[in-house]
């Protein structure tokens, strides 16, 4: 049988203004499996598109920044503090703050809407998600919510 893995898109960030996109097709033969299998991925919900790649990339960057924040503060930002805590220095100047913040700026999803951050999360310690193209909870295809729980 042949395993057909969907096209995997990889987006790498370089210095501001530069983007490298690479597509890799993968075809694997596995006679011992006896049937055809399409690997699950974000594309099955969201469509293999630049929007799906961007959401994945943005959520991973926000997750990394949140982990660095936690290393410095021993906690994640509260829902009330939100993701702004990653780009806005604390009012108390004695608190540790990296030069340039934890992120240069807060990314917006491909539809120009802010990512939603919840702490505590319903899916994990914290949830980061896009409400999809329609900006409403739920939905299907490009209107589906996509969160960090979909990427793990």
N, C-alpha and C. Protein backbone atom coordinates (compact mmCIF):
# COMPACT_ATOMS: atom_id res chain seq x y z
N UNK A 1 0.85 -1.18 0.00
CA UNK A 1 0.00 0.00 0.00
C UNK A 1 0.89 1.24 0.00
N UNK A 2 0.31 2.30 -0.39
CA UNK A 2 1.07 3.55 -0.47
C UNK A 2 0.51 4.51 0.56
N UNK A 3 1.39 5.10 1.31
CA UNK A 3 0.99 6.12 2.26
C UNK A 3 1.20 7.46 1.58
N UNK A 4 0.15 8.23 1.45
CA UNK A 4 0.26 9.53 0.82
C UNK A 4 0.18 10.58 1.91
N UNK A 5 1.28 11.20 2.20
CA UNK A 5 1.29 12.25 3.21
C UNK A 5 1.01 13.58 2.50
N UNK A 6 0.15 14.37 3.08
CA UNK A 6 -0.20 15.65 2.49
C UNK A 6 1.03 16.52 2.35
N UNK A 7 0.95 17.50 1.49
CA UNK A 7 2.07 18.41 1.29
C UNK A 7 2.32 19.15 2.59
N UNK A 8 3.55 19.14 3.04
CA UNK A 8 3.92 19.84 4.26
C UNK A 8 4.55 21.16 3.89
N UNK A 9 4.04 22.20 4.43
CA UNK A 9 4.57 23.53 4.16
C UNK A 9 5.37 23.98 5.37
N UNK A 10 6.52 24.47 5.10
CA UNK A 10 7.39 24.92 6.19
C UNK A 10 7.68 26.40 5.97
N UNK A 11 7.39 27.22 6.93
CA UNK A 11 7.65 28.65 6.82
C UNK A 11 8.74 29.00 7.83
N UNK A 12 9.81 29.55 7.36
CA UNK A 12 10.91 29.94 8.23
C UNK A 12 11.01 31.44 8.27
N UNK A 13 11.21 32.00 9.44
CA UNK A 13 11.37 33.45 9.56
C UNK A 13 12.83 33.80 9.47
N UNK A 14 13.10 34.85 8.73
CA UNK A 14 14.43 35.42 8.64
C UNK A 14 14.32 36.86 9.09
N UNK A 15 15.35 37.65 8.91
CA UNK A 15 15.26 39.05 9.31
C UNK A 15 14.02 39.71 8.71
N UNK A 16 13.51 40.80 9.33
CA UNK A 16 12.28 41.43 8.91
C UNK A 16 12.18 41.57 7.39
N UNK A 17 11.01 41.23 6.88
CA UNK A 17 10.75 41.38 5.46
C UNK A 17 11.14 40.18 4.61
N UNK A 18 11.86 39.23 5.16
CA UNK A 18 12.31 38.09 4.36
C UNK A 18 11.54 36.84 4.79
N UNK A 19 11.05 36.11 3.80
CA UNK A 19 10.36 34.85 4.10
C UNK A 19 10.83 33.79 3.12
N UNK A 20 10.99 32.62 3.64
CA UNK A 20 11.34 31.49 2.79
C UNK A 20 10.24 30.46 2.99
N UNK A 21 9.64 30.06 1.90
CA UNK A 21 8.62 29.01 1.98
C UNK A 21 9.11 27.81 1.19
N UNK A 22 8.95 26.67 1.75
CA UNK A 22 9.40 25.45 1.10
C UNK A 22 8.30 24.41 1.19
N UNK A 23 8.00 23.76 0.07
CA UNK A 23 7.00 22.70 0.07
C UNK A 23 7.70 21.37 -0.17
N UNK A 24 7.32 20.37 0.59
CA UNK A 24 7.93 19.05 0.43
C UNK A 24 6.83 18.02 0.28
N UNK A 25 6.82 17.31 -0.84
CA UNK A 25 5.87 16.21 -1.04
C UNK A 25 6.55 14.93 -0.56
N UNK A 26 5.77 14.10 0.06
CA UNK A 26 6.33 12.89 0.61
C UNK A 26 5.45 11.71 0.20
N UNK A 27 6.05 10.72 -0.40
CA UNK A 27 5.33 9.52 -0.80
C UNK A 27 6.11 8.32 -0.27
N UNK A 28 5.46 7.53 0.56
CA UNK A 28 6.14 6.41 1.21
C UNK A 28 5.40 5.12 0.88
N UNK A 29 6.13 4.08 0.54
CA UNK A 29 5.52 2.79 0.29
C UNK A 29 5.64 1.94 1.56
N UNK A 30 4.52 1.39 1.99
CA UNK A 30 4.52 0.56 3.19
C UNK A 30 3.58 -0.63 2.98
N UNK A 31 4.04 -1.69 2.29
CA UNK A 31 3.17 -2.82 2.00
C UNK A 31 2.63 -3.51 3.24
N UNK A 32 3.36 -3.44 4.35
CA UNK A 32 2.91 -4.14 5.55
C UNK A 32 1.67 -3.51 6.17
N UNK A 33 1.34 -2.24 5.82
CA UNK A 33 0.17 -1.60 6.41
C UNK A 33 -1.13 -2.04 5.73
N UNK A 34 -1.08 -2.36 4.45
CA UNK A 34 -2.24 -2.92 3.77
C UNK A 34 -3.32 -1.93 3.37
N UNK A 35 -3.18 -0.66 3.66
CA UNK A 35 -4.16 0.32 3.19
C UNK A 35 -3.51 1.68 3.03
N UNK A 36 -4.27 2.60 2.47
CA UNK A 36 -3.75 3.93 2.23
C UNK A 36 -4.12 4.83 3.40
N UNK A 37 -3.21 5.69 3.77
CA UNK A 37 -3.40 6.54 4.94
C UNK A 37 -2.96 7.96 4.60
N UNK A 38 -3.78 8.93 4.92
CA UNK A 38 -3.39 10.32 4.76
C UNK A 38 -3.09 10.86 6.15
N UNK A 39 -1.89 11.36 6.33
CA UNK A 39 -1.46 11.85 7.64
C UNK A 39 -2.34 13.01 8.10
N UNK A 40 -2.80 13.00 9.36
CA UNK A 40 -3.58 14.13 9.86
C UNK A 40 -2.68 15.34 10.03
N UNK A 41 -3.20 16.47 9.74
CA UNK A 41 -2.45 17.71 9.91
C UNK A 41 -3.42 18.87 9.96
N UNK A 42 -2.93 20.02 10.25
CA UNK A 42 -3.74 21.22 10.31
C UNK A 42 -4.49 21.43 9.01
N UNK A 43 -3.89 21.06 7.88
CA UNK A 43 -4.50 21.24 6.59
C UNK A 43 -5.83 20.53 6.44
N UNK A 44 -6.03 19.42 7.16
CA UNK A 44 -7.30 18.71 7.05
C UNK A 44 -8.46 19.55 7.56
N UNK A 45 -8.21 20.41 8.52
CA UNK A 45 -9.24 21.28 9.06
C UNK A 45 -9.26 22.61 8.33
N UNK A 46 -8.09 23.11 8.03
CA UNK A 46 -7.93 24.50 7.62
C UNK A 46 -7.63 24.64 6.14
N UNK A 47 -7.28 23.56 5.46
CA UNK A 47 -6.88 23.62 4.07
C UNK A 47 -5.39 23.88 3.99
N UNK A 48 -4.71 23.13 3.10
CA UNK A 48 -3.26 23.34 2.98
C UNK A 48 -3.03 24.68 2.30
N UNK A 49 -2.89 25.71 3.07
CA UNK A 49 -2.78 27.05 2.52
C UNK A 49 -1.76 27.87 3.29
N UNK A 50 -1.48 29.02 2.74
CA UNK A 50 -0.58 29.92 3.45
C UNK A 50 -1.18 30.38 4.76
N UNK A 51 -2.51 30.49 4.82
CA UNK A 51 -3.16 30.89 6.07
C UNK A 51 -2.88 29.86 7.16
N UNK A 52 -2.98 28.57 6.84
CA UNK A 52 -2.73 27.52 7.82
C UNK A 52 -1.28 27.54 8.28
N UNK A 53 -0.37 27.78 7.34
CA UNK A 53 1.06 27.85 7.70
C UNK A 53 1.30 29.02 8.63
N UNK A 54 0.67 30.14 8.33
CA UNK A 54 0.90 31.33 9.13
C UNK A 54 0.35 31.17 10.54
N UNK A 55 -0.85 30.60 10.67
CA UNK A 55 -1.41 30.37 12.00
C UNK A 55 -0.49 29.47 12.81
N UNK A 56 -0.02 28.40 12.21
CA UNK A 56 0.89 27.49 12.89
C UNK A 56 2.15 28.20 13.34
N UNK A 57 2.74 28.97 12.44
CA UNK A 57 3.97 29.69 12.74
C UNK A 57 3.74 30.71 13.85
N UNK A 58 2.66 31.47 13.78
CA UNK A 58 2.37 32.48 14.79
C UNK A 58 2.13 31.85 16.16
N UNK A 59 1.34 30.80 16.21
CA UNK A 59 1.04 30.16 17.49
C UNK A 59 2.32 29.58 18.11
N UNK A 60 3.17 28.98 17.30
CA UNK A 60 4.45 28.45 17.82
C UNK A 60 5.32 29.58 18.38
N UNK A 61 5.37 30.72 17.69
CA UNK A 61 6.16 31.85 18.17
C UNK A 61 5.61 32.39 19.49
N UNK A 62 4.29 32.48 19.59
CA UNK A 62 3.66 32.96 20.83
C UNK A 62 3.92 31.97 21.96
N UNK A 63 3.80 30.68 21.68
CA UNK A 63 4.09 29.66 22.70
C UNK A 63 5.52 29.79 23.22
N UNK A 64 6.46 29.97 22.32
CA UNK A 64 7.87 30.13 22.72
C UNK A 64 8.06 31.36 23.60
N UNK A 65 7.44 32.46 23.22
CA UNK A 65 7.54 33.69 24.00
C UNK A 65 6.92 33.50 25.38
N UNK A 66 5.80 32.80 25.44
CA UNK A 66 5.16 32.54 26.73
C UNK A 66 6.05 31.69 27.64
N UNK A 67 6.75 30.74 27.07
CA UNK A 67 7.65 29.89 27.86
C UNK A 67 8.82 30.71 28.41
N UNK A 68 9.34 31.63 27.61
CA UNK A 68 10.41 32.51 28.10
C UNK A 68 9.88 33.43 29.21
N UNK A 69 8.69 33.95 29.03
CA UNK A 69 8.05 34.79 30.04
C UNK A 69 7.95 34.01 31.36
N UNK A 70 7.52 32.76 31.26
CA UNK A 70 7.37 31.94 32.46
C UNK A 70 8.72 31.69 33.14
N UNK A 71 9.77 31.51 32.36
CA UNK A 71 11.10 31.33 32.96
C UNK A 71 11.51 32.55 33.78
N UNK A 72 11.16 33.74 33.31
CA UNK A 72 11.52 34.98 34.02
C UNK A 72 10.60 35.27 35.19
N UNK A 73 9.32 34.94 35.07
CA UNK A 73 8.33 35.36 36.06
C UNK A 73 7.73 34.19 36.87
N UNK A 74 8.08 32.97 36.51
CA UNK A 74 7.60 31.78 37.21
C UNK A 74 6.10 31.56 37.05
N UNK A 75 5.52 32.17 36.04
CA UNK A 75 4.09 32.02 35.73
C UNK A 75 3.84 32.52 34.32
N UNK A 76 2.73 32.11 33.76
CA UNK A 76 2.30 32.65 32.47
C UNK A 76 1.49 33.91 32.73
N UNK A 77 1.37 34.81 31.75
CA UNK A 77 0.49 35.97 31.95
C UNK A 77 -0.94 35.50 32.22
N UNK A 78 -1.67 36.26 33.01
CA UNK A 78 -3.08 35.95 33.25
C UNK A 78 -3.86 36.28 31.98
N UNK A 79 -5.10 35.81 31.92
CA UNK A 79 -5.96 36.17 30.78
C UNK A 79 -6.15 37.68 30.73
N UNK A 80 -6.24 38.31 31.92
CA UNK A 80 -6.43 39.75 31.97
C UNK A 80 -5.19 40.48 31.42
N UNK A 81 -4.00 40.03 31.77
CA UNK A 81 -2.78 40.64 31.22
C UNK A 81 -2.68 40.38 29.73
N UNK A 82 -3.11 39.19 29.33
CA UNK A 82 -3.15 38.83 27.92
C UNK A 82 -1.77 38.77 27.28
N UNK A 83 -1.80 38.66 25.97
CA UNK A 83 -0.55 38.58 25.20
C UNK A 83 0.21 39.90 25.18
N UNK A 84 -0.46 40.99 25.54
CA UNK A 84 0.23 42.28 25.63
C UNK A 84 1.40 42.22 26.60
N UNK A 85 1.32 41.32 27.58
CA UNK A 85 2.41 41.16 28.55
C UNK A 85 3.71 40.74 27.88
N UNK A 86 3.63 40.23 26.65
CA UNK A 86 4.83 39.79 25.93
C UNK A 86 5.52 40.93 25.19
N UNK A 87 4.83 42.04 25.00
CA UNK A 87 5.40 43.16 24.23
C UNK A 87 5.45 44.47 25.01
N UNK A 88 4.79 44.53 26.15
CA UNK A 88 4.74 45.75 26.95
C UNK A 88 5.53 45.56 28.25
N UNK A 89 6.56 46.38 28.48
CA UNK A 89 7.34 46.24 29.72
C UNK A 89 6.45 46.43 30.96
N UNK A 90 6.77 45.73 32.04
CA UNK A 90 5.98 45.89 33.27
C UNK A 90 6.17 47.29 33.85
N UNK A 91 5.17 47.76 34.57
CA UNK A 91 5.26 49.08 35.19
C UNK A 91 6.33 49.10 36.28
N UNK A 92 6.52 47.97 36.95
CA UNK A 92 7.55 47.86 37.97
C UNK A 92 8.89 47.62 37.28
N UNK A 93 9.74 48.62 37.24
CA UNK A 93 11.01 48.53 36.52
C UNK A 93 12.00 47.54 37.15
N UNK A 94 11.71 47.06 38.36
CA UNK A 94 12.61 46.10 38.99
C UNK A 94 12.38 44.68 38.44
N UNK A 95 11.25 44.46 37.75
CA UNK A 95 10.98 43.15 37.18
C UNK A 95 11.84 42.92 35.95
N UNK A 96 12.28 41.68 35.78
CA UNK A 96 13.12 41.32 34.64
C UNK A 96 12.35 41.54 33.34
N UNK A 97 13.01 42.16 32.36
CA UNK A 97 12.40 42.41 31.06
C UNK A 97 13.49 42.34 30.00
N UNK A 98 13.37 41.44 29.03
CA UNK A 98 14.40 41.35 28.00
C UNK A 98 14.33 42.56 27.04
N UNK A 99 15.47 43.00 26.60
CA UNK A 99 15.50 44.11 25.65
C UNK A 99 14.71 43.71 24.40
N UNK A 100 13.77 44.52 24.01
CA UNK A 100 12.93 44.21 22.86
C UNK A 100 11.70 43.39 23.20
N UNK A 101 11.54 43.01 24.46
CA UNK A 101 10.37 42.23 24.88
C UNK A 101 10.52 40.76 24.52
N UNK A 102 9.47 40.02 24.72
CA UNK A 102 9.46 38.59 24.41
C UNK A 102 9.08 38.36 22.95
N UNK A 103 8.36 39.31 22.37
CA UNK A 103 8.04 39.34 20.95
C UNK A 103 8.25 40.77 20.46
N UNK A 104 8.65 40.94 19.21
CA UNK A 104 8.79 42.29 18.65
C UNK A 104 7.43 42.98 18.60
N UNK A 105 6.43 42.21 18.19
CA UNK A 105 5.06 42.71 18.09
C UNK A 105 4.12 41.52 18.20
N UNK A 106 2.87 41.79 18.52
CA UNK A 106 1.89 40.71 18.58
C UNK A 106 1.40 40.41 17.17
N UNK A 107 1.53 39.17 16.75
CA UNK A 107 1.03 38.84 15.41
C UNK A 107 -0.48 38.84 15.39
N UNK A 108 -1.04 39.06 14.22
CA UNK A 108 -2.48 38.93 14.00
C UNK A 108 -2.67 37.74 13.08
N UNK A 109 -3.83 37.12 13.17
CA UNK A 109 -4.08 35.97 12.31
C UNK A 109 -4.19 36.43 10.86
N UNK A 110 -4.26 35.51 9.91
CA UNK A 110 -4.30 35.89 8.50
C UNK A 110 -5.48 36.78 8.12
N UNK A 111 -6.49 36.87 8.99
CA UNK A 111 -7.66 37.71 8.72
C UNK A 111 -7.60 39.00 9.52
N UNK A 112 -6.39 39.34 9.97
CA UNK A 112 -6.12 40.59 10.68
C UNK A 112 -6.79 40.70 12.05
N UNK A 113 -7.12 39.57 12.65
CA UNK A 113 -7.73 39.56 13.98
C UNK A 113 -6.69 39.10 14.99
N UNK A 114 -6.79 39.60 16.24
CA UNK A 114 -5.82 39.16 17.25
C UNK A 114 -6.06 37.69 17.63
N UNK A 115 -4.98 37.04 18.03
CA UNK A 115 -5.10 35.68 18.55
C UNK A 115 -5.73 35.75 19.94
N UNK A 116 -6.52 34.75 20.28
CA UNK A 116 -7.16 34.68 21.58
C UNK A 116 -6.22 33.93 22.52
N UNK A 117 -6.08 34.46 23.74
CA UNK A 117 -5.24 33.84 24.77
C UNK A 117 -6.08 33.63 26.01
N UNK A 118 -6.06 32.42 26.55
CA UNK A 118 -6.78 32.12 27.79
C UNK A 118 -5.86 31.39 28.75
N UNK A 119 -5.83 31.86 29.99
CA UNK A 119 -5.08 31.21 31.05
C UNK A 119 -5.90 31.29 32.32
N UNK A 120 -6.33 30.16 32.87
CA UNK A 120 -6.02 28.81 32.41
C UNK A 120 -6.78 28.49 31.14
N UNK A 121 -6.20 27.58 30.38
CA UNK A 121 -6.84 27.17 29.14
C UNK A 121 -7.82 26.02 29.36
N UNK A 122 -8.68 25.82 28.39
CA UNK A 122 -9.62 24.70 28.45
C UNK A 122 -8.96 23.42 27.92
N UNK A 123 -7.92 23.60 27.09
CA UNK A 123 -7.25 22.47 26.46
C UNK A 123 -5.89 22.16 27.10
N UNK A 124 -5.34 23.10 27.85
CA UNK A 124 -4.03 22.92 28.46
C UNK A 124 -3.76 24.04 29.45
N UNK A 125 -2.48 24.21 29.82
CA UNK A 125 -2.12 25.27 30.77
C UNK A 125 -2.59 26.63 30.27
N UNK A 126 -2.48 26.84 28.96
CA UNK A 126 -2.99 28.05 28.32
C UNK A 126 -3.45 27.68 26.92
N UNK A 127 -4.38 28.45 26.40
CA UNK A 127 -4.84 28.25 25.03
C UNK A 127 -4.53 29.49 24.22
N UNK A 128 -4.03 29.27 23.01
CA UNK A 128 -3.81 30.35 22.04
C UNK A 128 -4.53 29.88 20.78
N UNK A 129 -5.40 30.71 20.24
CA UNK A 129 -6.10 30.26 19.04
C UNK A 129 -6.60 31.41 18.18
N UNK A 130 -6.83 31.06 16.92
CA UNK A 130 -7.47 31.95 15.96
C UNK A 130 -8.90 31.49 15.83
N UNK A 131 -9.82 32.43 15.71
CA UNK A 131 -11.22 32.09 15.51
C UNK A 131 -11.54 31.81 14.05
N UNK A 132 -10.52 31.73 13.22
CA UNK A 132 -10.73 31.42 11.81
C UNK A 132 -11.20 32.62 11.01
N UNK A 133 -11.48 32.38 9.76
CA UNK A 133 -11.84 33.44 8.82
C UNK A 133 -13.06 34.23 9.29
N UNK A 134 -14.07 33.55 9.86
CA UNK A 134 -15.31 34.24 10.24
C UNK A 134 -15.21 34.99 11.57
N UNK A 135 -14.14 34.75 12.34
CA UNK A 135 -13.97 35.45 13.62
C UNK A 135 -14.96 35.02 14.69
N UNK A 136 -15.67 33.91 14.48
CA UNK A 136 -16.66 33.41 15.42
C UNK A 136 -16.22 32.04 15.96
N UNK A 137 -16.58 31.72 17.19
CA UNK A 137 -16.24 30.39 17.72
C UNK A 137 -16.84 29.28 16.85
N UNK A 138 -16.11 28.18 16.72
CA UNK A 138 -16.58 27.03 15.95
C UNK A 138 -16.31 27.22 14.46
N UNK A 139 -17.11 26.60 13.66
CA UNK A 139 -16.97 26.73 12.21
C UNK A 139 -16.27 25.54 11.59
N UNK A 140 -16.27 25.52 10.27
CA UNK A 140 -15.65 24.44 9.52
C UNK A 140 -14.75 25.02 8.45
N UNK A 141 -13.81 24.19 7.97
CA UNK A 141 -12.90 24.65 6.92
C UNK A 141 -12.14 25.88 7.36
N UNK A 142 -12.07 26.90 6.50
CA UNK A 142 -11.32 28.11 6.85
C UNK A 142 -11.96 28.91 7.99
N UNK A 143 -13.21 28.61 8.34
CA UNK A 143 -13.87 29.30 9.44
C UNK A 143 -13.63 28.60 10.78
N UNK A 144 -12.97 27.44 10.77
CA UNK A 144 -12.74 26.66 11.99
C UNK A 144 -11.73 27.35 12.90
N UNK A 145 -11.93 27.19 14.20
CA UNK A 145 -10.96 27.68 15.17
C UNK A 145 -9.73 26.77 15.08
N UNK A 146 -8.56 27.37 15.21
CA UNK A 146 -7.31 26.60 15.21
C UNK A 146 -6.50 27.07 16.39
N UNK A 147 -6.16 26.13 17.28
CA UNK A 147 -5.43 26.50 18.47
C UNK A 147 -4.20 25.67 18.70
N UNK A 148 -3.45 26.03 19.74
CA UNK A 148 -2.22 25.30 20.04
C UNK A 148 -2.51 23.83 20.34
N UNK A 149 -3.69 23.48 20.77
CA UNK A 149 -4.03 22.08 21.02
C UNK A 149 -4.10 21.28 19.71
N UNK A 150 -4.34 21.94 18.58
CA UNK A 150 -4.36 21.26 17.28
C UNK A 150 -2.96 20.96 16.77
N UNK A 151 -1.97 21.63 17.31
CA UNK A 151 -0.61 21.55 16.78
C UNK A 151 0.28 20.61 17.55
N UNK A 152 -0.16 20.14 18.70
CA UNK A 152 0.68 19.28 19.54
C UNK A 152 0.62 17.84 19.13
